[in-house]
Amino acid sequence: MKVALIQQKFHNNKQKTVEKTLDMIKESKQKGANLVVLQELHQSQYFCITEDTQNFDLAASYEEDLKFWSDVAKKYSVVLVTSLFEKRTEGLYHNSAVVFESDGSIAGKYRKMHIPDDPGFYEKFYFAPGDLGFEPIETSVGCLGVLVCWDQWYPEAARLMALKGAEILIYPTAIGWFDEDSDAQKQKQLDAWMTIQRSHAIANGIPLICVNRVGKEKDPTGVIDGIRFWGRSFICGSQGEYLKVCEHEDEVVAICELDMSQISNVRNIWPFLRDRRIECYDGLTKRYLR
């Protein structure tokens, strides 16, 4: 499988940002990709930096957006992983990843399950938790375990996707740091973020794609200076080995050839799934055990 991840910044408005995305999808196809993964909420600024009811208007075009990205997937004959602001009905919204088959049909949808609420990341104000569960999406290039950003910190989510047959984990993401953080703190955050995701690949014996945005986005209210998204999108193999790592600031199309036969080889060598003591794990369904 030849995959492309598209790491980019917000270009001040939706039209310019989407135009840049289309150029990068075209480049992906020219380089032979048959799976293209976009970053979290790739059409707009990361609006969750502040709480503002006017931002709900960004979801008004959800149905039109579905048609648009369907046409893009069909035009370039790629399986396309998008990340859209879904308006389900008045007052009910989701942070949703929609996967389009190479013929433009919708292969499946995932609604973000874990919703953060931190300074600069006020997602609980906008998104209801997902209600579709952890269900992999079958496509012509394989079975995709699509999750979104904050989900990447939870091994349970990755495990359930793998147990249901996911052959690759995919995380559209929007994460960054504050400029005022110390260099040491920034490095700790980045290392933790990359390490936890590589551990999901290792524990489940499948490759992983994470696509993060770049660039600094300001808080329009001025409460905080803004978020500098740290990029570092990456692809790792089923032993957690880095296959592709992007830089902090560059907009880039990163191409990687995945040898999916490695899943079987690695799982035979490291049979972590075989050795799970599933009869002892009842406590995992509890909030806390003391």
C-alpha atoms as a PDB file:
ATOM      1  CA  MET A   1       0.000   0.000   0.000  1.00  0.00           C
ATOM      2  CA  LYS A   2       1.400   3.414  -0.931  1.00  0.00           C
ATOM      3  CA  VAL A   3       0.095   6.064   1.447  1.00  0.00           C
ATOM      4  CA  ALA A   4       0.331   9.849   1.516  1.00  0.00           C
ATOM      5  CA  LEU A   5      -0.112  12.053   4.535  1.00  0.00           C
ATOM      6  CA  ILE A   6      -0.755  15.738   3.943  1.00  0.00           C
ATOM      7  CA  GLN A   7       0.612  18.098   6.586  1.00  0.00           C
ATOM      8  CA  GLN A   8      -0.416  21.707   6.040  1.00  0.00           C
ATOM      9  CA  LYS A   9      -1.322  25.001   7.656  1.00  0.00           C
ATOM     10  CA  PHE A  10      -4.472  27.107   7.564  1.00  0.00           C
ATOM     11  CA  HIS A  11      -4.311  29.663   4.751  1.00  0.00           C
ATOM     12  CA  ASN A  12      -6.514  32.377   6.300  1.00  0.00           C
ATOM     13  CA  ASN A  13      -9.776  31.138   4.752  1.00  0.00           C
ATOM     14  CA  LYS A  14     -11.467  27.938   3.649  1.00  0.00           C
ATOM     15  CA  GLN A  15     -11.127  28.523  -0.095  1.00  0.00           C
ATOM     16  CA  LYS A  16      -7.362  29.079  -0.064  1.00  0.00           C
ATOM     17  CA  THR A  17      -6.819  26.221   2.368  1.00  0.00           C
ATOM     18  CA  VAL A  18      -8.840  23.773   0.273  1.00  0.00           C
ATOM     19  CA  GLU A  19      -7.049  24.884  -2.896  1.00  0.00           C
ATOM     20  CA  LYS A  20      -3.736  24.043  -1.244  1.00  0.00           C
ATOM     21  CA  THR A  21      -5.115  20.686  -0.108  1.00  0.00           C
ATOM     22  CA  LEU A  22      -6.209  19.869  -3.654  1.00  0.00           C
ATOM     23  CA  ASP A  23      -2.748  20.669  -5.006  1.00  0.00           C
ATOM     24  CA  MET A  24      -1.254  18.310  -2.433  1.00  0.00           C
ATOM     25  CA  ILE A  25      -3.741  15.533  -3.202  1.00  0.00           C
ATOM     26  CA  LYS A  26      -2.860  15.874  -6.881  1.00  0.00           C
ATOM     27  CA  GLU A  27       0.819  15.584  -5.955  1.00  0.00           C
ATOM     28  CA  SER A  28       0.027  12.519  -3.851  1.00  0.00           C
ATOM     29  CA  LYS A  29      -1.618  10.818  -6.788  1.00  0.00           C
ATOM     30  CA  GLN A  30       1.237  11.722  -9.127  1.00  0.00           C
ATOM     31  CA  LYS A  31       3.593  10.033  -6.665  1.00  0.00           C
ATOM     32  CA  GLY A  32       1.511   6.869  -6.743  1.00  0.00           C
ATOM     33  CA  ALA A  33      -0.454   7.066  -3.490  1.00  0.00           C
ATOM     34  CA  ASN A  34      -3.665   5.060  -3.284  1.00  0.00           C
ATOM     35  CA  LEU A  35      -4.486   6.155   0.288  1.00  0.00           C
ATOM     36  CA  VAL A  36      -4.413   9.853   1.235  1.00  0.00           C
ATOM     37  CA  VAL A  37      -4.874  11.054   4.825  1.00  0.00           C
ATOM     38  CA  LEU A  38      -5.726  14.652   5.751  1.00  0.00           C
ATOM     39  CA  GLN A  39      -5.283  16.334   9.142  1.00  0.00           C
ATOM     40  CA  GLU A  40      -7.965  17.089  11.720  1.00  0.00           C
ATOM     41  CA  LEU A  41     -10.535  19.752  10.679  1.00  0.00           C
ATOM     42  CA  HIS A  42      -8.453  20.408   7.574  1.00  0.00           C
ATOM     43  CA  GLN A  43     -10.871  22.831   5.886  1.00  0.00           C
ATOM     44  CA  SER A  44     -10.762  25.565   8.519  1.00  0.00           C
ATOM     45  CA  GLN A  45      -8.787  27.136  11.300  1.00  0.00           C
ATOM     46  CA  TYR A  46      -8.688  25.160  14.527  1.00  0.00           C
ATOM     47  CA  PHE A  47     -11.712  27.050  15.839  1.00  0.00           C
ATOM     48  CA  CYS A  48     -11.752  25.215  19.191  1.00  0.00           C
ATOM     49  CA  ILE A  49      -9.045  27.581  20.396  1.00  0.00           C
ATOM     50  CA  THR A  50     -11.918  29.661  21.765  1.00  0.00           C
ATOM     51  CA  GLU A  51     -15.597  29.243  22.692  1.00  0.00           C
ATOM     52  CA  ASP A  52     -17.737  31.150  20.192  1.00  0.00           C
ATOM     53  CA  THR A  53     -21.227  30.124  19.066  1.00  0.00           C
ATOM     54  CA  GLN A  54     -20.620  31.744  15.668  1.00  0.00           C
ATOM     55  CA  ASN A  55     -18.190  28.935  14.891  1.00  0.00           C
ATOM     56  CA  PHE A  56     -21.084  26.490  14.660  1.00  0.00           C
ATOM     57  CA  ASP A  57     -21.765  28.105  11.283  1.00  0.00           C
ATOM     58  CA  LEU A  58     -18.670  26.311   9.995  1.00  0.00           C
ATOM     59  CA  ALA A  59     -20.676  23.081  10.061  1.00  0.00           C
ATOM     60  CA  ALA A  60     -23.486  24.483   7.929  1.00  0.00           C
ATOM     61  CA  SER A  61     -21.800  23.244   4.743  1.00  0.00           C
ATOM     62  CA  TYR A  62     -21.359  19.665   5.970  1.00  0.00           C
ATOM     63  CA  GLU A  63     -23.557  18.060   3.295  1.00  0.00           C
ATOM     64  CA  GLU A  64     -21.902  20.121   0.558  1.00  0.00           C
ATOM     65  CA  ASP A  65     -18.498  19.180   1.932  1.00  0.00           C
ATOM     66  CA  LEU A  66     -19.363  15.491   1.693  1.00  0.00           C
ATOM     67  CA  LYS A  67     -20.191  15.913  -1.977  1.00  0.00           C
ATOM     68  CA  PHE A  68     -17.053  17.955  -2.613  1.00  0.00           C
ATOM     69  CA  TRP A  69     -14.604  15.475  -1.082  1.00  0.00           C
ATOM     70  CA  SER A  70     -16.452  12.577  -2.665  1.00  0.00           C
ATOM     71  CA  ASP A  71     -15.801  14.151  -6.054  1.00  0.00           C
ATOM     72  CA  VAL A  72     -12.133  14.684  -5.153  1.00  0.00           C
ATOM     73  CA  ALA A  73     -11.637  11.049  -4.159  1.00  0.00           C
ATOM     74  CA  LYS A  74     -13.266   9.924  -7.394  1.00  0.00           C
ATOM     75  CA  LYS A  75     -11.323  12.382  -9.568  1.00  0.00           C
ATOM     76  CA  TYR A  76      -7.966  11.190  -8.254  1.00  0.00           C
ATOM     77  CA  SER A  77      -9.059   7.577  -7.670  1.00  0.00           C
ATOM     78  CA  VAL A  78      -7.731   7.467  -4.118  1.00  0.00           C
ATOM     79  CA  VAL A  79      -9.113   6.317  -0.812  1.00  0.00           C
ATOM     80  CA  LEU A  80      -9.381   9.621   1.055  1.00  0.00           C
ATOM     81  CA  VAL A  81      -9.540  10.125   4.827  1.00  0.00           C
ATOM     82  CA  THR A  82     -11.113  13.489   5.646  1.00  0.00           C
ATOM     83  CA  SER A  83     -11.909  15.257   8.923  1.00  0.00           C
ATOM     84  CA  LEU A  84     -15.102  17.310   8.921  1.00  0.00           C
ATOM     85  CA  PHE A  85     -17.238  19.359  11.303  1.00  0.00           C
ATOM     86  CA  GLU A  86     -20.487  17.404  11.189  1.00  0.00           C
ATOM     87  CA  LYS A  87     -23.817  19.074  11.862  1.00  0.00           C
ATOM     88  CA  ARG A  88     -26.149  16.251  12.774  1.00  0.00           C
ATOM     89  CA  THR A  89     -29.110  18.458  13.664  1.00  0.00           C
ATOM     90  CA  GLU A  90     -29.663  21.805  15.323  1.00  0.00           C
ATOM     91  CA  GLY A  91     -27.478  21.982  18.423  1.00  0.00           C
ATOM     92  CA  LEU A  92     -25.798  18.603  17.858  1.00  0.00           C
ATOM     93  CA  TYR A  93     -22.371  18.438  16.254  1.00  0.00           C
ATOM     94  CA  HIS A  94     -19.532  15.938  15.916  1.00  0.00           C
ATOM     95  CA  ASN A  95     -15.859  15.955  15.039  1.00  0.00           C
ATOM     96  CA  SER A  96     -16.064  13.312  12.326  1.00  0.00           C
ATOM     97  CA  ALA A  97     -13.656  11.483  10.046  1.00  0.00           C
ATOM     98  CA  VAL A  98     -15.301  10.479   6.775  1.00  0.00           C
ATOM     99  CA  VAL A  99     -13.527   7.965   4.531  1.00  0.00           C
ATOM    100  CA  PHE A 100     -14.247   8.031   0.803  1.00  0.00           C
ATOM    101  CA  GLU A 101     -13.635   5.081  -1.474  1.00  0.00           C
ATOM    102  CA  SER A 102     -11.724   5.667  -4.709  1.00  0.00           C
ATOM    103  CA  ASP A 103     -14.997   5.709  -6.657  1.00  0.00           C
ATOM    104  CA  GLY A 104     -16.311   8.559  -4.503  1.00  0.00           C
ATOM    105  CA  SER A 105     -18.650   6.496  -2.372  1.00  0.00           C
ATOM    106  CA  ILE A 106     -18.559   6.846   1.412  1.00  0.00           C
ATOM    107  CA  ALA A 107     -16.745   3.833   2.829  1.00  0.00           C
ATOM    108  CA  GLY A 108     -17.506   4.777   6.413  1.00  0.00           C
ATOM    109  CA  LYS A 109     -17.508   7.401   9.129  1.00  0.00           C
ATOM    110  CA  TYR A 110     -16.033   7.697  12.599  1.00  0.00           C
ATOM    111  CA  ARG A 111     -17.139  10.231  15.212  1.00  0.00           C
ATOM    112  CA  LYS A 112     -14.417  11.296  17.640  1.00  0.00           C
ATOM    113  CA  MET A 113     -14.992   9.527  20.940  1.00  0.00           C
ATOM    114  CA  HIS A 114     -12.638  11.261  23.381  1.00  0.00           C
ATOM    115  CA  ILE A 115     -13.287  15.007  23.556  1.00  0.00           C
ATOM    116  CA  PRO A 116     -10.746  17.294  25.299  1.00  0.00           C
ATOM    117  CA  ASP A 117     -11.458  20.486  27.221  1.00  0.00           C
ATOM    118  CA  ASP A 118      -8.249  22.368  27.928  1.00  0.00           C
ATOM    119  CA  PRO A 119      -7.102  25.982  27.465  1.00  0.00           C
ATOM    120  CA  GLY A 120      -6.976  26.527  23.719  1.00  0.00           C
ATOM    121  CA  PHE A 121      -8.622  23.164  23.028  1.00  0.00           C
ATOM    122  CA  TYR A 122     -12.253  23.760  24.002  1.00  0.00           C
ATOM    123  CA  GLU A 123     -13.737  20.880  22.054  1.00  0.00           C
ATOM    124  CA  LYS A 124     -16.438  19.942  24.548  1.00  0.00           C
ATOM    125  CA  PHE A 125     -18.076  23.284  23.733  1.00  0.00           C
ATOM    126  CA  TYR A 126     -18.507  22.160  20.122  1.00  0.00           C
ATOM    127  CA  PHE A 127     -18.600  18.378  19.851  1.00  0.00           C
ATOM    128  CA  ALA A 128     -20.775  15.666  21.323  1.00  0.00           C
ATOM    129  CA  PRO A 129     -18.838  12.438  21.990  1.00  0.00           C
ATOM    130  CA  GLY A 130     -19.015   9.915  19.185  1.00  0.00           C
ATOM    131  CA  ASP A 131     -21.699   7.249  19.254  1.00  0.00           C
ATOM    132  CA  LEU A 132     -20.575   4.979  16.417  1.00  0.00           C
ATOM    133  CA  GLY A 133     -18.119   3.031  18.536  1.00  0.00           C
ATOM    134  CA  PHE A 134     -14.684   1.844  17.497  1.00  0.00           C
ATOM    135  CA  GLU A 135     -15.500   0.258  14.147  1.00  0.00           C
ATOM    136  CA  PRO A 136     -12.852  -0.164  11.420  1.00  0.00           C
ATOM    137  CA  ILE A 137     -13.735   0.940   7.910  1.00  0.00           C
ATOM    138  CA  GLU A 138     -13.368  -1.526   5.044  1.00  0.00           C
ATOM    139  CA  THR A 139     -11.861  -0.033   1.879  1.00  0.00           C
ATOM    140  CA  SER A 140     -10.261  -1.236  -1.334  1.00  0.00           C
ATOM    141  CA  VAL A 141      -6.797  -0.669   0.196  1.00  0.00           C
ATOM    142  CA  GLY A 142      -7.503  -2.461   3.466  1.00  0.00           C
ATOM    143  CA  CYS A 143      -9.344  -2.233   6.765  1.00  0.00           C
ATOM    144  CA  LEU A 144      -8.700   1.190   8.323  1.00  0.00           C
ATOM    145  CA  GLY A 145      -8.840   1.864  12.058  1.00  0.00           C
ATOM    146  CA  VAL A 146      -9.626   5.579  11.859  1.00  0.00           C
ATOM    147  CA  LEU A 147      -9.539   7.534  15.123  1.00  0.00           C
ATOM    148  CA  VAL A 148      -9.128  11.281  15.741  1.00  0.00           C
ATOM    149  CA  CYS A 149      -6.521  13.251  17.718  1.00  0.00           C
ATOM    150  CA  TRP A 150      -7.365  12.995  21.458  1.00  0.00           C
ATOM    151  CA  ASP A 151      -8.258   9.336  20.842  1.00  0.00           C
ATOM    152  CA  GLN A 152      -4.548   8.766  20.245  1.00  0.00           C
ATOM    153  CA  TRP A 153      -3.800   8.822  23.980  1.00  0.00           C
ATOM    154  CA  TYR A 154      -6.042   5.844  24.737  1.00  0.00           C
ATOM    155  CA  PRO A 155      -4.707   2.312  24.181  1.00  0.00           C
ATOM    156  CA  GLU A 156      -8.231   0.921  24.576  1.00  0.00           C
ATOM    157  CA  ALA A 157      -9.365   2.649  21.375  1.00  0.00           C
ATOM    158  CA  ALA A 158      -6.465   1.308  19.323  1.00  0.00           C
ATOM    159  CA  ARG A 159      -6.905  -2.168  20.821  1.00  0.00           C
ATOM    160  CA  LEU A 160     -10.604  -2.366  19.981  1.00  0.00           C
ATOM    161  CA  MET A 161      -9.915  -1.282  16.406  1.00  0.00           C
ATOM    162  CA  ALA A 162      -7.240  -3.959  16.072  1.00  0.00           C
ATOM    163  CA  LEU A 163      -9.415  -6.657  17.630  1.00  0.00           C
ATOM    164  CA  LYS A 164     -12.085  -5.854  15.054  1.00  0.00           C
ATOM    165  CA  GLY A 165      -9.685  -6.356  12.188  1.00  0.00           C
ATOM    166  CA  ALA A 166      -8.075  -2.965  11.550  1.00  0.00           C
ATOM    167  CA  GLU A 167      -4.912  -3.396   9.493  1.00  0.00           C
ATOM    168  CA  ILE A 168      -3.640   0.134  10.080  1.00  0.00           C
ATOM    169  CA  LEU A 169      -4.328   2.863  12.657  1.00  0.00           C
ATOM    170  CA  ILE A 170      -4.962   6.389  11.354  1.00  0.00           C
ATOM    171  CA  TYR A 171      -5.083   9.574  13.442  1.00  0.00           C
ATOM    172  CA  PRO A 172      -5.995  12.936  11.846  1.00  0.00           C
ATOM    173  CA  THR A 173      -4.672  15.387  14.444  1.00  0.00           C
ATOM    174  CA  ALA A 174      -4.439  19.027  15.543  1.00  0.00           C
ATOM    175  CA  ILE A 175      -1.984  19.414  18.415  1.00  0.00           C
ATOM    176  CA  GLY A 176       0.565  22.047  19.287  1.00  0.00           C
ATOM    177  CA  TRP A 177       2.246  23.943  22.050  1.00  0.00           C
ATOM    178  CA  PHE A 178       2.239  27.479  23.405  1.00  0.00           C
ATOM    179  CA  ASP A 179       5.242  29.657  22.563  1.00  0.00           C
ATOM    180  CA  GLU A 180       5.702  30.559  26.202  1.00  0.00           C
ATOM    181  CA  ASP A 181       6.352  26.916  27.150  1.00  0.00           C
ATOM    182  CA  SER A 182       9.991  26.100  27.835  1.00  0.00           C
ATOM    183  CA  ASP A 183      11.967  24.180  25.237  1.00  0.00           C
ATOM    184  CA  ALA A 184      12.246  21.296  27.699  1.00  0.00           C
ATOM    185  CA  GLN A 185       8.481  21.178  28.211  1.00  0.00           C
ATOM    186  CA  LYS A 186       7.855  21.284  24.476  1.00  0.00           C
ATOM    187  CA  GLN A 187      10.190  18.357  23.945  1.00  0.00           C
ATOM    188  CA  LYS A 188       8.504  16.341  26.693  1.00  0.00           C
ATOM    189  CA  GLN A 189       5.101  16.901  25.093  1.00  0.00           C
ATOM    190  CA  LEU A 190       6.310  15.939  21.634  1.00  0.00           C
ATOM    191  CA  ASP A 191       8.122  12.841  22.874  1.00  0.00           C
ATOM    192  CA  ALA A 192       5.071  11.681  24.832  1.00  0.00           C
ATOM    193  CA  TRP A 193       2.802  12.206  21.819  1.00  0.00           C
ATOM    194  CA  MET A 194       4.984  10.219  19.445  1.00  0.00           C
ATOM    195  CA  THR A 195       5.768   7.500  21.988  1.00  0.00           C
ATOM    196  CA  ILE A 196       2.164   6.727  22.955  1.00  0.00           C
ATOM    197  CA  GLN A 197       1.182   6.290  19.320  1.00  0.00           C
ATOM    198  CA  ARG A 198       4.166   4.125  18.436  1.00  0.00           C
ATOM    199  CA  SER A 199       3.191   1.960  21.411  1.00  0.00           C
ATOM    200  CA  HIS A 200      -0.235   1.361  19.842  1.00  0.00           C
ATOM    201  CA  ALA A 201       1.453   0.095  16.682  1.00  0.00           C
ATOM    202  CA  ILE A 202       3.725  -2.181  18.705  1.00  0.00           C
ATOM    203  CA  ALA A 203       1.051  -3.532  21.033  1.00  0.00           C
ATOM    204  CA  ASN A 204      -1.246  -4.404  18.135  1.00  0.00           C
ATOM    205  CA  GLY A 205       1.323  -5.332  15.495  1.00  0.00           C
ATOM    206  CA  ILE A 206       0.003  -2.955  12.835  1.00  0.00           C
ATOM    207  CA  PRO A 207       1.347   0.219  11.171  1.00  0.00           C
ATOM    208  CA  LEU A 208       0.134   3.686  12.114  1.00  0.00           C
ATOM    209  CA  ILE A 209      -0.321   7.027  10.358  1.00  0.00           C
ATOM    210  CA  CYS A 210      -0.626  10.311  12.269  1.00  0.00           C
ATOM    211  CA  VAL A 211      -1.206  13.593  10.405  1.00  0.00           C
ATOM    212  CA  ASN A 212      -0.842  16.859  12.321  1.00  0.00           C
ATOM    213  CA  ARG A 213      -1.168  20.443  11.121  1.00  0.00           C
ATOM    214  CA  VAL A 214       1.537  23.135  11.171  1.00  0.00           C
ATOM    215  CA  GLY A 215       1.602  26.894  11.614  1.00  0.00           C
ATOM    216  CA  LYS A 216       0.574  29.250  14.375  1.00  0.00           C
ATOM    217  CA  GLU A 217      -3.106  30.040  14.816  1.00  0.00           C
ATOM    218  CA  LYS A 218      -4.099  33.018  16.971  1.00  0.00           C
ATOM    219  CA  ASP A 219      -6.792  33.178  19.610  1.00  0.00           C
ATOM    220  CA  PRO A 220      -9.174  35.867  18.271  1.00  0.00           C
ATOM    221  CA  THR A 221     -10.211  36.771  21.823  1.00  0.00           C
ATOM    222  CA  GLY A 222      -6.637  37.344  22.921  1.00  0.00           C
ATOM    223  CA  VAL A 223      -7.047  35.217  26.044  1.00  0.00           C
ATOM    224  CA  ILE A 224      -4.041  33.178  24.943  1.00  0.00           C
ATOM    225  CA  ASP A 225      -1.461  34.107  22.338  1.00  0.00           C
ATOM    226  CA  GLY A 226      -2.328  31.136  20.174  1.00  0.00           C
ATOM    227  CA  ILE A 227      -1.273  27.586  19.352  1.00  0.00           C
ATOM    228  CA  ARG A 228       1.782  26.704  17.313  1.00  0.00           C
ATOM    229  CA  PHE A 229       0.942  23.346  15.784  1.00  0.00           C
ATOM    230  CA  TRP A 230       4.046  21.228  15.923  1.00  0.00           C
ATOM    231  CA  GLY A 231       3.665  19.152  12.769  1.00  0.00           C
ATOM    232  CA  ARG A 232       5.859  16.062  13.112  1.00  0.00           C
ATOM    233  CA  SER A 233       3.330  13.947  11.230  1.00  0.00           C
ATOM    234  CA  PHE A 234       4.691  10.437  10.958  1.00  0.00           C
ATOM    235  CA  ILE A 235       4.200   6.897   9.783  1.00  0.00           C
ATOM    236  CA  CYS A 236       5.528   3.950  11.740  1.00  0.00           C
ATOM    237  CA  GLY A 237       5.564   0.234  11.079  1.00  0.00           C
ATOM    238  CA  SER A 238       4.127  -2.603  13.122  1.00  0.00           C
ATOM    239  CA  GLN A 239       7.168  -2.681  15.409  1.00  0.00           C
ATOM    240  CA  GLY A 240       6.914   1.042  16.026  1.00  0.00           C
ATOM    241  CA  GLU A 241       9.820   1.821  13.704  1.00  0.00           C
ATOM    242  CA  TYR A 242       9.691   5.229  12.044  1.00  0.00           C
ATOM    243  CA  LEU A 243       9.121   4.977   8.307  1.00  0.00           C
ATOM    244  CA  LYS A 244       8.506   8.673   7.703  1.00  0.00           C
ATOM    245  CA  VAL A 245       8.727  11.715   9.995  1.00  0.00           C
ATOM    246  CA  CYS A 246       7.875  15.256   8.884  1.00  0.00           C
ATOM    247  CA  GLU A 247       9.422  18.483  10.151  1.00  0.00           C
ATOM    248  CA  HIS A 248       7.913  20.950  12.618  1.00  0.00           C
ATOM    249  CA  GLU A 249       6.897  23.740  10.221  1.00  0.00           C
ATOM    250  CA  ASP A 250       6.827  22.453   6.648  1.00  0.00           C
ATOM    251  CA  GLU A 251       3.739  21.890   4.549  1.00  0.00           C
ATOM    252  CA  VAL A 252       4.491  18.558   2.974  1.00  0.00           C
ATOM    253  CA  VAL A 253       3.183  15.549   1.102  1.00  0.00           C
ATOM    254  CA  ALA A 254       4.856  12.561   2.732  1.00  0.00           C
ATOM    255  CA  ILE A 255       4.771   9.323   0.758  1.00  0.00           C
ATOM    256  CA  CYS A 256       5.455   5.899   2.202  1.00  0.00           C
ATOM    257  CA  GLU A 257       5.170   2.361   0.897  1.00  0.00           C
ATOM    258  CA  LEU A 258       3.735   0.001   3.514  1.00  0.00           C
ATOM    259  CA  ASP A 259       4.463  -3.711   3.352  1.00  0.00           C
ATOM    260  CA  MET A 260       1.253  -5.071   4.859  1.00  0.00           C
ATOM    261  CA  SER A 261       2.669  -8.613   4.966  1.00  0.00           C
ATOM    262  CA  GLN A 262       4.740  -7.456   7.931  1.00  0.00           C
ATOM    263  CA  ILE A 263       1.641  -7.607  10.128  1.00  0.00           C
ATOM    264  CA  SER A 264       1.612 -11.404   9.995  1.00  0.00           C
ATOM    265  CA  ASN A 265       5.386 -11.662  10.354  1.00  0.00           C
ATOM    266  CA  VAL A 266       5.551  -9.390  13.378  1.00  0.00           C
ATOM    267  CA  ARG A 267       2.558 -10.932  15.124  1.00  0.00           C
ATOM    268  CA  ASN A 268       4.095 -14.371  14.738  1.00  0.00           C
ATOM    269  CA  ILE A 269       7.347 -13.181  16.307  1.00  0.00           C
ATOM    270  CA  TRP A 270       5.734 -11.023  18.999  1.00  0.00           C
ATOM    271  CA  PRO A 271       2.400 -12.748  19.754  1.00  0.00           C
ATOM    272  CA  PHE A 272       1.032 -10.059  22.047  1.00  0.00           C
ATOM    273  CA  LEU A 273      -2.554 -10.746  20.971  1.00  0.00           C
ATOM    274  CA  ARG A 274      -2.195 -14.452  21.717  1.00  0.00           C
ATOM    275  CA  ASP A 275      -0.853 -13.895  25.214  1.00  0.00           C
ATOM    276  CA  ARG A 276      -3.515 -11.467  26.406  1.00  0.00           C
ATOM    277  CA  ARG A 277      -5.219 -12.644  29.623  1.00  0.00           C
ATOM    278  CA  ILE A 278      -8.680 -11.513  28.579  1.00  0.00           C
ATOM    279  CA  GLU A 279     -10.341 -13.328  31.505  1.00  0.00           C
ATOM    280  CA  CYS A 280      -8.518 -10.945  33.882  1.00  0.00           C
ATOM    281  CA  TYR A 281      -9.422  -7.605  32.324  1.00  0.00           C
ATOM    282  CA  ASP A 282     -12.897  -6.885  33.731  1.00  0.00           C
ATOM    283  CA  GLY A 283     -11.549  -3.860  35.586  1.00  0.00           C
ATOM    284  CA  LEU A 284     -10.916  -2.018  32.342  1.00  0.00           C
ATOM    285  CA  THR A 285     -14.611  -1.181  32.129  1.00  0.00           C
ATOM    286  CA  LYS A 286     -14.433   0.717  35.468  1.00  0.00           C
ATOM    287  CA  ARG A 287     -13.518   4.372  35.933  1.00  0.00           C
ATOM    288  CA  TYR A 288     -11.189   3.594  38.836  1.00  0.00           C
ATOM    289  CA  LEU A 289     -10.587   0.547  41.009  1.00  0.00           C
ATOM    290  CA  ARG A 290      -9.670   2.033  44.405  1.00  0.00           C
END
